[in-house]
């Protein structure tokens, strides 16, 4: 009888805590600018861990780490992932800061301690209720790219300044940025009398 009462009191307590937390959320609003609370972070971490099937957790990367594969993963990361995760994996970008929850610092233990299989599953299947999309279900070539990406993720804590500069050249560019880059190259070859920062270098050449 006492055990039954204890369970009832615990359930009532949990409902009360949940209701109180709901009131706090309503008052605070649901802005993506806010940092997730401790409770949200705890629940999300637990849910993500449970969401990875056990047969994925034990997967090992079939590709041994090498300079060439770090480079391949770096090129893929700079072109496809850095918009949200930043070149250094820290997540401090315009899009990263606007997500809720924020992208994790991929250099930190929370990511680096994950198994290859957990990282693979996350990349391939995404994370529900977050900004992480699913990239799986494609070709064998894309599957290999995912494993190369994991090799680069392991390399993130050791990223050098030279590698960061290389990644900047690989990041996606707007049409205006591509045009300016092309005009700079033309200027350096002596084909265009233009100085960087000029808003209309082609008009200066017009008669």
Protein backbone atom coordinates (compact mmCIF):
# COMPACT_ATOMS: atom_id res chain seq x y z
CA UNK A 1 0.00 0.00 0.00
CA UNK A 2 2.81 2.37 0.94
CA UNK A 3 4.64 1.55 -2.29
CA UNK A 4 1.53 2.44 -4.28
CA UNK A 5 1.22 5.78 -2.52
CA UNK A 6 4.90 6.50 -3.16
CA UNK A 7 4.46 5.88 -6.88
CA UNK A 8 1.41 8.16 -6.96
CA UNK A 9 3.30 10.94 -5.16
CA UNK A 10 6.25 10.57 -7.55
CA UNK A 11 3.94 10.77 -10.57
CA UNK A 12 2.20 13.82 -9.14
CA UNK A 13 5.59 15.41 -8.51
CA UNK A 14 6.74 14.76 -12.07
CA UNK A 15 3.51 16.18 -13.48
CA UNK A 16 3.91 19.28 -11.28
CA UNK A 17 7.52 19.75 -12.41
CA UNK A 18 6.51 19.33 -16.05
CA UNK A 19 3.67 21.81 -15.68
CA UNK A 20 5.94 24.32 -13.97
CA UNK A 21 8.55 23.96 -16.67
CA UNK A 22 5.84 24.42 -19.31
CA UNK A 23 4.77 27.70 -17.68
CA UNK A 24 8.40 28.90 -17.72
CA UNK A 25 8.71 28.03 -21.44
CA UNK A 26 5.48 29.88 -22.29
CA UNK A 27 6.62 32.97 -20.41
CA UNK A 28 10.10 32.84 -21.91
CA UNK A 29 8.85 32.09 -25.39
CA UNK A 30 10.25 29.64 -27.93
CA UNK A 31 12.89 31.83 -29.55
CA UNK A 32 15.74 29.98 -31.27
CA UNK A 33 18.08 32.66 -29.88
CA UNK A 34 17.88 31.21 -26.38
CA UNK A 35 20.24 28.58 -25.03
CA UNK A 36 18.62 25.21 -24.29
CA UNK A 37 18.01 24.67 -20.59
CA UNK A 38 19.80 21.97 -18.60
CA UNK A 39 16.70 19.78 -18.69
CA UNK A 40 16.34 20.13 -22.47
CA UNK A 41 20.03 19.39 -23.00
CA UNK A 42 19.88 16.34 -20.74
CA UNK A 43 16.76 14.95 -22.41
CA UNK A 44 18.08 15.63 -25.91
CA UNK A 45 21.41 13.93 -25.19
CA UNK A 46 19.64 10.89 -23.79
CA UNK A 47 17.20 10.73 -26.69
CA UNK A 48 20.01 10.95 -29.27
CA UNK A 49 21.92 8.16 -27.59
CA UNK A 50 18.85 5.92 -27.48
CA UNK A 51 18.02 6.78 -31.10
CA UNK A 52 21.23 5.19 -32.43
CA UNK A 53 20.57 1.47 -33.02
CA UNK A 54 23.00 -0.83 -31.23
CA UNK A 55 24.24 -2.39 -34.47
CA UNK A 56 25.38 1.07 -35.63
CA UNK A 57 27.23 1.94 -32.40
CA UNK A 58 29.75 -0.83 -32.98
CA UNK A 59 30.55 0.11 -36.59
CA UNK A 60 34.20 0.90 -37.31
CA UNK A 61 35.41 3.20 -40.07
CA UNK A 62 36.41 0.90 -42.97
CA UNK A 63 38.90 3.52 -44.21
CA UNK A 64 42.19 3.95 -42.30
CA UNK A 65 43.09 7.56 -41.56
CA UNK A 66 45.58 9.06 -44.00
CA UNK A 67 46.68 12.51 -45.17
CA UNK A 68 44.77 12.02 -48.40
CA UNK A 69 41.51 11.08 -46.67
CA UNK A 70 41.82 13.92 -44.14
CA UNK A 71 42.12 16.22 -47.17
CA UNK A 72 39.10 14.61 -48.85
CA UNK A 73 37.02 14.95 -45.69
CA UNK A 74 38.18 18.54 -45.22
CA UNK A 75 37.08 19.52 -48.73
CA UNK A 76 33.66 17.93 -48.19
CA UNK A 77 33.27 19.55 -44.76
CA UNK A 78 34.25 23.02 -46.03
CA UNK A 79 31.77 22.83 -48.91
CA UNK A 80 28.81 21.12 -47.19
CA UNK A 81 29.09 21.42 -43.39
CA UNK A 82 30.98 24.60 -42.49
CA UNK A 83 27.98 26.87 -43.16
CA UNK A 84 26.50 25.67 -39.84
CA UNK A 85 29.45 24.01 -38.08
CA UNK A 86 32.20 26.54 -39.06
CA UNK A 87 35.51 25.50 -40.59
CA UNK A 88 36.97 24.74 -37.17
CA UNK A 89 33.92 22.72 -36.06
CA UNK A 90 33.03 25.21 -33.32
CA UNK A 91 29.62 26.14 -34.78
CA UNK A 92 30.15 29.91 -34.51
CA UNK A 93 28.56 30.95 -37.81
CA UNK A 94 25.54 33.03 -38.79
CA UNK A 95 23.45 29.91 -39.41
CA UNK A 96 24.92 28.00 -36.46
CA UNK A 97 24.08 30.77 -33.99
CA UNK A 98 20.51 30.86 -35.34
CA UNK A 99 19.81 27.16 -34.79
CA UNK A 100 18.10 25.66 -31.75
CA UNK A 101 19.74 23.75 -30.29
CA UNK A 102 23.07 25.22 -31.39
CA UNK A 103 25.48 22.93 -33.27
CA UNK A 104 27.86 21.18 -30.87
CA UNK A 105 31.53 22.05 -30.71
CA UNK A 106 32.77 19.09 -32.71
CA UNK A 107 36.26 19.43 -31.25
CA UNK A 108 34.95 18.72 -27.75
CA UNK A 109 34.77 15.36 -25.99
CA UNK A 110 30.99 15.08 -26.43
CA UNK A 111 31.57 14.56 -30.17
CA UNK A 112 35.09 13.13 -30.21
CA UNK A 113 34.16 10.36 -27.75
CA UNK A 114 31.34 9.10 -29.96
CA UNK A 115 32.03 5.90 -31.84
CA UNK A 116 32.55 5.93 -35.60
CA UNK A 117 29.16 4.26 -35.91
CA UNK A 118 27.38 6.93 -33.86
CA UNK A 119 28.88 9.68 -36.02
CA UNK A 120 28.02 7.76 -39.17
CA UNK A 121 24.40 7.27 -38.09
CA UNK A 122 24.02 10.96 -37.21
CA UNK A 123 25.36 12.12 -40.57
CA UNK A 124 23.35 9.60 -42.55
CA UNK A 125 20.05 9.98 -40.66
CA UNK A 126 20.16 13.46 -39.18
CA UNK A 127 18.75 14.54 -35.81
CA UNK A 128 15.04 15.16 -35.36
CA UNK A 129 13.88 18.53 -34.00
CA UNK A 130 17.23 20.13 -34.83
CA UNK A 131 18.90 21.71 -37.83
CA UNK A 132 20.82 18.53 -38.68
CA UNK A 133 19.41 17.01 -41.90
CA UNK A 134 19.81 13.43 -43.09
CA UNK A 135 22.38 12.90 -45.84
CA UNK A 136 22.07 9.13 -46.26
CA UNK A 137 20.27 6.79 -48.62
CA UNK A 138 22.35 7.63 -51.64
CA UNK A 139 25.17 5.92 -53.55
CA UNK A 140 28.25 3.94 -52.45
CA UNK A 141 30.34 6.97 -53.38
CA UNK A 142 28.38 9.13 -50.95
CA UNK A 143 28.75 6.44 -48.29
CA UNK A 144 32.53 6.60 -48.69
CA UNK A 145 32.36 10.40 -48.39
CA UNK A 146 30.61 10.02 -45.03
CA UNK A 147 33.45 7.85 -43.71
CA UNK A 148 36.03 10.32 -45.05
CA UNK A 149 34.11 13.07 -43.29
CA UNK A 150 34.37 11.16 -40.01
CA UNK A 151 38.14 10.93 -40.45
CA UNK A 152 38.22 14.72 -40.80
CA UNK A 153 35.96 15.20 -37.76
CA UNK A 154 38.52 13.22 -35.74
CA UNK A 155 41.18 15.61 -37.09
CA UNK A 156 39.34 18.81 -36.05
CA UNK A 157 41.08 19.23 -32.64
CA UNK A 158 44.44 19.26 -34.49
CA UNK A 159 43.43 21.62 -37.30
CA UNK A 160 46.23 24.02 -38.32
CA UNK A 161 46.06 27.65 -39.41
CA UNK A 162 47.18 26.60 -42.90
CA UNK A 163 44.31 24.13 -43.12
CA UNK A 164 41.81 26.77 -42.00
CA UNK A 165 43.05 29.11 -44.73
CA UNK A 166 42.70 26.30 -47.26
CA UNK A 167 39.14 25.67 -46.10
CA UNK A 168 38.21 29.32 -46.57
CA UNK A 169 38.99 28.95 -50.26
CA UNK A 170 36.72 25.90 -50.40
CA UNK A 171 33.71 27.44 -48.64
CA UNK A 172 30.59 28.10 -50.76
CA UNK A 173 30.55 31.60 -52.24
CA UNK A 174 27.82 33.93 -53.39
CA UNK A 175 27.75 35.06 -57.01
CA UNK A 176 29.10 38.47 -55.96
CA UNK A 177 32.00 36.85 -54.08
CA UNK A 178 32.84 34.66 -57.08
CA UNK A 179 32.85 37.68 -59.38
CA UNK A 180 35.09 39.65 -57.03
CA UNK A 181 37.49 36.71 -56.74
CA UNK A 182 37.64 36.40 -60.53
CA UNK A 183 38.23 40.13 -60.92
CA UNK A 184 41.07 40.00 -58.40
CA UNK A 185 42.70 37.20 -60.41
CA UNK A 186 42.32 39.25 -63.60
CA UNK A 187 43.83 42.26 -61.88
CA UNK A 188 46.81 40.23 -60.68
CA UNK A 189 47.36 39.03 -64.27
CA UNK A 190 47.28 42.65 -65.46
CA UNK A 191 44.05 42.14 -67.40
CA UNK A 192 41.89 44.51 -65.38
CA UNK A 193 43.02 47.91 -63.99
CA UNK A 194 41.05 47.50 -60.76
CA UNK A 195 41.84 47.74 -57.09
CA UNK A 196 40.17 45.39 -54.55
CA UNK A 197 37.16 47.08 -52.95
CA UNK A 198 36.09 48.93 -56.12
CA UNK A 199 32.35 48.33 -56.41
CA UNK A 200 32.26 48.48 -60.21
CA UNK A 201 35.64 47.59 -61.75
CA UNK A 202 34.16 46.63 -65.11
CA UNK A 203 32.48 50.00 -65.55
CA UNK A 204 35.85 51.71 -65.19
CA UNK A 205 36.99 49.93 -68.35
CA UNK A 206 33.95 50.96 -70.35
CA UNK A 207 34.51 53.78 -72.92
